């Protein structure tokens, strides 16, 4: 026999009507009185008891099977009226009907404004009042009716809360999957987009210089091989969720890549060293920004400024290329991914064309609060 504890999914938290139908056995004492002729007129007592059982079953069925709350409440009101009438007409022999009524109230009355305990308390109070009027056992009838209804009301509420928690857990799990897919798609876009752009630049360099300088072409081919191996390593690390690429490493790669693409690169850094999490985020910004410069700008010069001062951490990338088409908001999967990454840490990404031509990408993070990339 396995010692593994059953998971939550193995338990059915949906209430079924059959156990509540079973509690009609409480009325067997009243039924015996009808059959023995103790309740007169017998035919009226039997008709009333039959009507009680039918109303009880119908109310529970409508509530649990049909999810028809209003008809179930109507049947419950009729059941309450019949219970009081039966007890007033036939005396203490019908006292068990109050316990059944209390059970039905605890099950069917909706949990608004703490209504089930209030209604169950009212039913038990009426039962106690009727018992006092008829000279019966007031405490026993009051306590039996109250405890039966309260237990069912608490059980019903507990099952509802368990279902709500299970739904919430499933929704959180679905949300986590969606977030992880978005994160993974951003990582792959940033990784492969940049790497393929570099490979294209290197390949174009080989095509240009191969006829006149095989040595340089061979160096470019070696670079492509090295870049491919590095890309493979980075993709593997991204898949396992451990990839980190800081500003310094990205600046080195960007300088070489821009130079090979025939774009002059100027890099400026000021301030103290970046915090580790901010270093990773701003490294992504440099990677995406330089990739866009190489792919789309047609620029001859690119400037990269990295700053860490008392107010903010920032990276700004400027080029003298074509810029964005007039009247169009710069967009794309890369920029959208950057905005999502930085928004999770109260960061801001700004992208716009420059006056006189060119494009500007600026990303800022707050300086005096911990920065943690959203997974």
Protein backbone atom coordinates (compact mmCIF):
# COMPACT_ATOMS: atom_id res chain seq x y z
CA UNK A 1 0.00 0.00 0.00
CA UNK A 2 1.43 3.36 -0.96
CA UNK A 3 2.25 5.83 1.76
CA UNK A 4 1.67 8.81 -0.49
CA UNK A 5 -0.94 11.24 0.78
CA UNK A 6 -3.82 11.88 -1.57
CA UNK A 7 -3.75 15.17 -3.41
CA UNK A 8 -6.49 17.79 -3.19
CA UNK A 9 -7.73 16.84 -6.64
CA UNK A 10 -8.69 13.38 -5.37
CA UNK A 11 -11.47 14.78 -3.18
CA UNK A 12 -14.81 15.88 -4.58
CA UNK A 13 -15.89 19.09 -2.85
CA UNK A 14 -19.25 19.31 -4.63
CA UNK A 15 -22.22 18.69 -2.36
CA UNK A 16 -24.71 16.08 -3.55
CA UNK A 17 -28.36 15.85 -2.44
CA UNK A 18 -28.41 12.15 -1.54
CA UNK A 19 -26.94 12.54 1.99
CA UNK A 20 -29.47 15.26 2.76
CA UNK A 21 -32.33 13.06 1.56
CA UNK A 22 -31.07 10.43 3.98
CA UNK A 23 -31.71 12.74 6.94
CA UNK A 24 -35.44 12.32 6.36
CA UNK A 25 -35.04 9.30 8.67
CA UNK A 26 -35.27 11.86 11.48
CA UNK A 27 -39.00 12.02 10.71
CA UNK A 28 -39.52 8.27 11.24
CA UNK A 29 -40.90 8.95 14.73
CA UNK A 30 -43.52 11.27 13.29
CA UNK A 31 -44.29 8.74 10.55
CA UNK A 32 -44.78 6.04 13.22
CA UNK A 33 -47.25 8.29 15.01
CA UNK A 34 -49.22 8.70 11.79
CA UNK A 35 -49.26 4.94 11.12
CA UNK A 36 -50.22 4.13 14.71
CA UNK A 37 -53.07 6.60 14.61
CA UNK A 38 -51.61 8.82 17.34
CA UNK A 39 -52.00 11.91 15.14
CA UNK A 40 -55.58 12.80 14.37
CA UNK A 41 -57.04 13.13 11.84
CA UNK A 42 -54.71 10.52 10.46
CA UNK A 43 -55.32 11.30 6.80
CA UNK A 44 -54.45 14.98 7.32
CA UNK A 45 -51.32 14.14 9.30
CA UNK A 46 -50.22 11.68 6.61
CA UNK A 47 -50.89 14.20 3.87
CA UNK A 48 -48.98 16.89 5.72
CA UNK A 49 -46.01 14.58 6.38
CA UNK A 50 -45.93 13.51 2.72
CA UNK A 51 -46.07 17.14 1.61
CA UNK A 52 -43.22 17.93 4.02
CA UNK A 53 -41.01 15.18 2.57
CA UNK A 54 -41.79 16.25 -1.00
CA UNK A 55 -41.03 19.92 -0.29
CA UNK A 56 -37.80 19.02 1.49
CA UNK A 57 -36.60 16.87 -1.42
CA UNK A 58 -37.67 19.44 -4.02
CA UNK A 59 -35.96 22.34 -2.23
CA UNK A 60 -32.67 20.44 -1.87
CA UNK A 61 -32.85 19.14 -5.45
CA UNK A 62 -33.49 22.59 -6.89
CA UNK A 63 -30.61 24.05 -4.90
CA UNK A 64 -27.95 21.41 -5.56
CA UNK A 65 -28.94 19.88 -8.89
CA UNK A 66 -30.68 22.64 -10.78
CA UNK A 67 -28.89 25.61 -9.25
CA UNK A 68 -32.32 27.26 -9.20
CA UNK A 69 -31.97 29.40 -6.11
CA UNK A 70 -35.21 31.36 -6.22
CA UNK A 71 -37.47 28.28 -6.66
CA UNK A 72 -35.47 26.52 -3.94
CA UNK A 73 -36.05 29.44 -1.56
CA UNK A 74 -39.78 29.43 -2.39
CA UNK A 75 -39.95 25.72 -1.58
CA UNK A 76 -38.02 26.39 1.64
CA UNK A 77 -40.51 29.06 2.75
CA UNK A 78 -43.37 26.65 2.04
CA UNK A 79 -41.54 23.97 4.03
CA UNK A 80 -41.16 26.35 6.99
CA UNK A 81 -44.85 27.29 6.93
CA UNK A 82 -45.87 23.60 6.75
CA UNK A 83 -43.55 22.71 9.65
CA UNK A 84 -45.08 25.33 11.94
CA UNK A 85 -48.60 24.31 10.88
CA UNK A 86 -47.89 20.60 11.48
CA UNK A 87 -46.41 21.28 14.90
CA UNK A 88 -49.25 23.60 15.91
CA UNK A 89 -51.88 21.09 14.74
CA UNK A 90 -50.37 17.77 15.85
CA UNK A 91 -48.15 18.65 18.82
CA UNK A 92 -44.73 17.42 20.04
CA UNK A 93 -44.80 14.29 17.85
CA UNK A 94 -43.83 16.55 14.94
CA UNK A 95 -40.90 18.21 16.74
CA UNK A 96 -38.27 16.37 14.58
CA UNK A 97 -39.51 18.31 11.57
CA UNK A 98 -37.85 21.42 12.96
CA UNK A 99 -34.42 19.74 12.78
CA UNK A 100 -35.04 18.83 9.12
CA UNK A 101 -36.19 22.38 8.39
CA UNK A 102 -33.06 23.74 10.08
CA UNK A 103 -30.84 21.45 7.97
CA UNK A 104 -32.56 22.65 4.79
CA UNK A 105 -32.12 26.30 5.85
CA UNK A 106 -28.41 25.80 6.59
CA UNK A 107 -27.97 24.31 3.12
CA UNK A 108 -30.13 26.56 0.96
CA UNK A 109 -30.06 30.05 2.49
CA UNK A 110 -27.31 32.04 0.68
CA UNK A 111 -24.28 33.29 2.61
CA UNK A 112 -25.04 36.99 2.45
CA UNK A 113 -24.94 39.18 5.55
CA UNK A 114 -24.36 36.02 7.63
CA UNK A 115 -27.90 34.89 6.80
CA UNK A 116 -27.71 31.07 7.33
CA UNK A 117 -26.86 31.25 11.06
CA UNK A 118 -29.47 33.97 11.53
CA UNK A 119 -32.20 31.95 9.80
CA UNK A 120 -31.19 28.74 11.59
CA UNK A 121 -31.26 30.64 14.89
CA UNK A 122 -34.74 31.93 14.08
CA UNK A 123 -35.98 28.41 13.25
CA UNK A 124 -34.59 26.99 16.49
CA UNK A 125 -36.13 29.91 18.40
CA UNK A 126 -39.56 29.22 16.91
CA UNK A 127 -39.11 25.52 17.74
CA UNK A 128 -38.27 26.37 21.35
CA UNK A 129 -41.25 28.73 21.57
CA UNK A 130 -43.59 26.05 20.22
CA UNK A 131 -42.16 23.51 22.68
CA UNK A 132 -42.70 25.90 25.60
CA UNK A 133 -46.26 26.58 24.47
CA UNK A 134 -47.01 22.85 24.22
CA UNK A 135 -45.19 21.95 27.45
CA UNK A 136 -42.43 20.00 25.68
CA UNK A 137 -38.65 19.80 26.17
CA UNK A 138 -37.64 23.33 25.20
CA UNK A 139 -33.84 22.97 25.48
CA UNK A 140 -33.59 19.67 23.60
CA UNK A 141 -35.65 20.91 20.66
CA UNK A 142 -33.87 24.26 20.58
CA UNK A 143 -30.38 22.74 20.77
CA UNK A 144 -31.10 19.94 18.30
CA UNK A 145 -32.53 22.29 15.69
CA UNK A 146 -29.78 24.87 16.15
CA UNK A 147 -26.84 22.44 16.04
CA UNK A 148 -28.17 20.55 13.00
CA UNK A 149 -28.61 23.72 10.95
CA UNK A 150 -25.35 25.37 12.06
CA UNK A 151 -23.28 22.28 11.23
CA UNK A 152 -24.77 22.09 7.74
CA UNK A 153 -24.36 25.85 7.20
CA UNK A 154 -20.68 25.70 8.19
CA UNK A 155 -20.11 22.62 6.04
CA UNK A 156 -21.73 24.32 3.06
CA UNK A 157 -19.64 27.45 3.52
CA UNK A 158 -16.47 25.39 3.94
CA UNK A 159 -17.11 23.54 0.69
CA UNK A 160 -17.77 26.81 -1.12
CA UNK A 161 -14.52 28.31 0.17
CA UNK A 162 -12.56 25.20 -0.85
CA UNK A 163 -14.01 25.45 -4.37
CA UNK A 164 -13.16 29.15 -4.54
CA UNK A 165 -9.59 28.47 -3.41
CA UNK A 166 -9.23 25.66 -5.92
CA UNK A 167 -10.51 27.90 -8.73
CA UNK A 168 -8.15 30.66 -7.60
CA UNK A 169 -5.23 28.24 -7.56
CA UNK A 170 -6.04 27.02 -11.07
CA UNK A 171 -6.36 30.61 -12.29
CA UNK A 172 -3.02 31.52 -10.73
CA UNK A 173 -1.44 28.47 -12.35
CA UNK A 174 -2.83 29.49 -15.76
CA UNK A 175 -1.60 33.04 -15.22
CA UNK A 176 1.86 31.79 -14.24
CA UNK A 177 2.04 29.70 -17.42
CA UNK A 178 1.07 32.70 -19.55
CA UNK A 179 3.64 34.91 -17.80
CA UNK A 180 6.35 32.29 -18.24
CA UNK A 181 5.54 31.95 -21.93
CA UNK A 182 5.75 35.71 -22.37
CA UNK A 183 9.05 35.85 -20.51
CA UNK A 184 10.46 32.98 -22.53
CA UNK A 185 9.33 34.52 -25.83
CA UNK A 186 10.97 37.83 -24.88
CA UNK A 187 14.20 36.06 -23.96
CA UNK A 188 14.32 34.10 -27.19
CA UNK A 189 13.52 37.20 -29.24
CA UNK A 190 16.29 39.17 -27.55
CA UNK A 191 18.78 36.32 -27.75
CA UNK A 192 18.19 35.09 -31.28
CA UNK A 193 17.35 38.46 -32.78
CA UNK A 194 20.64 39.96 -31.66
CA UNK A 195 22.70 36.87 -32.49
CA UNK A 196 21.25 36.44 -35.99
CA UNK A 197 21.83 40.12 -36.71
CA UNK A 198 25.48 39.73 -35.75
CA UNK A 199 25.82 36.62 -37.91
CA UNK A 200 24.28 38.47 -40.87
CA UNK A 201 26.75 41.34 -40.40
CA UNK A 202 29.67 38.91 -40.22
CA UNK A 203 28.44 37.02 -43.28
CA UNK A 204 28.13 40.27 -45.26
CA UNK A 205 31.68 41.12 -44.19
CA UNK A 206 32.91 37.76 -45.49
CA UNK A 207 31.18 38.35 -48.82
CA UNK A 208 32.78 41.79 -49.16
CA UNK A 209 36.35 40.90 -48.22
CA UNK A 210 36.66 37.28 -49.36
CA UNK A 211 37.78 38.11 -52.93
CA UNK A 212 40.58 40.46 -51.83
CA UNK A 213 41.50 39.40 -48.28
CA UNK A 214 40.94 35.72 -47.44
CA UNK A 215 42.60 36.19 -44.04
CA UNK A 216 39.99 38.69 -42.88
CA UNK A 217 37.22 36.50 -44.32
CA UNK A 218 38.61 33.55 -42.36
CA UNK A 219 38.58 35.67 -39.17
CA UNK A 220 34.95 36.64 -39.80
CA UNK A 221 34.07 32.97 -40.37
CA UNK A 222 35.71 32.12 -37.06
CA UNK A 223 33.69 34.87 -35.42
CA UNK A 224 30.49 33.37 -36.83
CA UNK A 225 31.42 29.99 -35.42
CA UNK A 226 32.19 31.50 -32.03
CA UNK A 227 28.97 33.52 -32.04
CA UNK A 228 26.98 30.41 -32.94
CA UNK A 229 28.51 28.49 -30.04
CA UNK A 230 27.87 31.38 -27.68
CA UNK A 231 24.27 31.66 -28.90
CA UNK A 232 23.74 27.95 -28.32
CA UNK A 233 25.05 28.31 -24.77
CA UNK A 234 22.86 31.35 -24.12
CA UNK A 235 19.74 29.63 -25.42
CA UNK A 236 20.43 26.67 -23.16
CA UNK A 237 20.86 28.99 -20.20
CA UNK A 238 17.68 30.88 -21.11
CA UNK A 239 15.73 27.64 -21.25
CA UNK A 240 16.86 26.73 -17.75
CA UNK A 241 16.12 30.25 -16.53
CA UNK A 242 19.63 31.16 -15.40
CA UNK A 243 20.81 33.46 -18.12
CA UNK A 244 22.23 36.82 -17.01
CA UNK A 245 23.99 39.30 -19.28
CA UNK A 246 25.30 42.49 -17.73
CA UNK A 247 25.97 45.93 -19.13
CA UNK A 248 29.76 45.50 -19.44
CA UNK A 249 29.48 42.32 -21.49
CA UNK A 250 26.81 43.80 -23.76
CA UNK A 251 28.83 46.98 -24.30
CA UNK A 252 31.83 44.93 -25.41
CA UNK A 253 29.71 42.86 -27.80
CA UNK A 254 27.89 45.93 -29.10
CA UNK A 255 31.10 47.82 -29.83
CA UNK A 256 32.51 44.97 -31.86
CA UNK A 257 29.23 44.26 -33.65
CA UNK A 258 28.62 47.90 -34.60
CA UNK A 259 32.21 48.25 -35.81
CA UNK A 260 31.86 45.15 -37.99
CA UNK A 261 28.63 46.60 -39.39
CA UNK A 262 30.47 49.76 -40.40
CA UNK A 263 28.84 51.89 -37.69
CA UNK A 264 30.97 54.14 -35.52
CA UNK A 265 30.31 53.44 -31.83
CA UNK A 266 30.85 55.86 -28.93
CA UNK A 267 30.32 54.55 -25.39
CA UNK A 268 30.12 56.71 -22.26
CA UNK A 269 29.73 55.49 -18.68
CA UNK A 270 29.34 57.56 -15.51
CA UNK A 271 28.55 56.95 -11.88
CA UNK A 272 29.11 53.92 -9.68
CA UNK A 273 28.73 50.26 -10.56
CA UNK A 274 25.19 49.13 -11.30
CA UNK A 275 23.31 46.81 -8.88
CA UNK A 276 23.22 43.22 -10.10
CA UNK A 277 19.52 43.09 -11.05
CA UNK A 278 19.63 46.50 -12.75
CA UNK A 279 22.79 45.43 -14.57
CA UNK A 280 20.92 42.48 -16.09
CA UNK A 281 17.89 44.55 -17.11
CA UNK A 282 19.91 47.35 -18.68
CA UNK A 283 22.04 44.75 -20.44
CA UNK A 284 18.84 43.61 -22.19
CA UNK A 285 18.17 47.22 -23.19
CA UNK A 286 21.61 47.58 -24.79
CA UNK A 287 21.23 44.28 -26.61
CA UNK A 288 17.81 45.19 -28.04
CA UNK A 289 18.77 48.77 -28.87
CA UNK A 290 21.95 47.83 -30.73
CA UNK A 291 20.12 45.06 -32.58
CA UNK A 292 17.59 47.62 -33.83
CA UNK A 293 20.33 50.02 -34.87
CA UNK A 294 22.00 47.33 -36.98
CA UNK A 295 18.75 46.01 -38.46
CA UNK A 296 16.69 49.08 -39.16
CA UNK A 297 18.49 52.38 -38.77
CA UNK A 298 20.94 52.61 -41.69
CA UNK A 299 23.05 54.72 -39.31
CA UNK A 300 26.70 55.65 -39.54
CA UNK A 301 27.16 56.51 -35.87
CA UNK A 302 25.74 55.16 -32.61
CA UNK A 303 26.20 56.58 -29.12
CA UNK A 304 25.55 54.62 -25.92
CA UNK A 305 25.36 56.39 -22.55
CA UNK A 306 25.17 54.45 -19.27
CA UNK A 307 24.56 56.43 -16.07
CA UNK A 308 24.14 55.61 -12.39
CA UNK A 309 23.55 58.67 -10.21
CA UNK A 310 21.55 59.54 -7.10
CA UNK A 311 18.28 59.82 -9.02
CA UNK A 312 18.14 57.06 -11.59
CA UNK A 313 19.90 54.31 -13.50
CA UNK A 314 19.70 54.80 -17.23
CA UNK A 315 20.83 53.65 -20.65
CA UNK A 316 20.41 55.84 -23.71
CA UNK A 317 21.17 54.70 -27.25
CA UNK A 318 21.19 57.27 -30.08
CA UNK A 319 21.90 56.90 -33.77
CA UNK A 320 21.93 59.18 -36.82
CA UNK A 321 19.91 56.88 -39.06
CA UNK A 322 16.44 57.03 -40.56
CA UNK A 323 14.43 57.10 -37.34
CA UNK A 324 10.77 56.07 -37.16
CA UNK A 325 8.36 57.00 -39.99
CA UNK A 326 6.63 60.35 -39.44
CA UNK A 327 3.59 60.13 -37.19
CA UNK A 328 4.19 56.49 -36.24
CA UNK A 329 4.81 55.26 -32.72
CA UNK A 330 7.92 53.05 -32.58
CA UNK A 331 6.82 49.51 -31.80
CA UNK A 332 7.76 45.88 -32.21
CA UNK A 333 8.18 42.75 -30.15
CA UNK A 334 11.57 43.86 -28.85
CA UNK A 335 10.44 47.25 -27.55
CA UNK A 336 7.24 45.74 -26.17
CA UNK A 337 9.29 43.12 -24.32
CA UNK A 338 11.59 45.80 -22.87
CA UNK A 339 8.62 47.83 -21.64
CA UNK A 340 7.15 44.76 -19.95
CA UNK A 341 10.46 43.91 -18.29
CA UNK A 342 11.07 47.38 -16.91
CA UNK A 343 7.45 48.10 -15.99
CA UNK A 344 7.66 45.25 -13.47
CA UNK A 345 10.35 47.28 -11.61
CA UNK A 346 8.82 50.77 -12.05
CA UNK A 347 11.18 51.39 -14.97
CA UNK A 348 10.40 53.41 -18.09
CA UNK A 349 11.31 52.85 -21.74
CA UNK A 350 11.13 55.80 -24.15
CA UNK A 351 11.64 55.43 -27.90
CA UNK A 352 11.36 58.26 -30.42
CA UNK A 353 12.86 59.82 -33.51
CA UNK A 354 15.43 62.59 -33.04
CA UNK A 355 15.25 66.05 -34.44
CA UNK A 356 17.47 66.27 -37.48
CA UNK A 357 17.31 62.51 -38.05
CA UNK A 358 18.07 59.41 -36.12
CA UNK A 359 16.50 57.42 -33.32
CA UNK A 360 16.70 57.55 -29.52
CA UNK A 361 16.04 54.74 -27.05
CA UNK A 362 16.17 55.57 -23.35
CA UNK A 363 15.52 53.23 -20.42
CA UNK A 364 15.50 54.35 -16.79
CA UNK A 365 15.20 52.57 -13.46
CA UNK A 366 14.69 54.12 -10.01
CA UNK A 367 17.97 54.41 -8.10
CA UNK A 368 16.91 53.90 -4.47
CA UNK A 369 14.74 50.81 -4.53
CA UNK A 370 15.51 47.14 -5.13
CA UNK A 371 15.15 46.05 -8.73
CA UNK A 372 14.02 42.53 -9.50
CA UNK A 373 13.13 41.33 -12.95
CA UNK A 374 9.66 39.83 -13.23
CA UNK A 375 9.88 36.14 -14.12
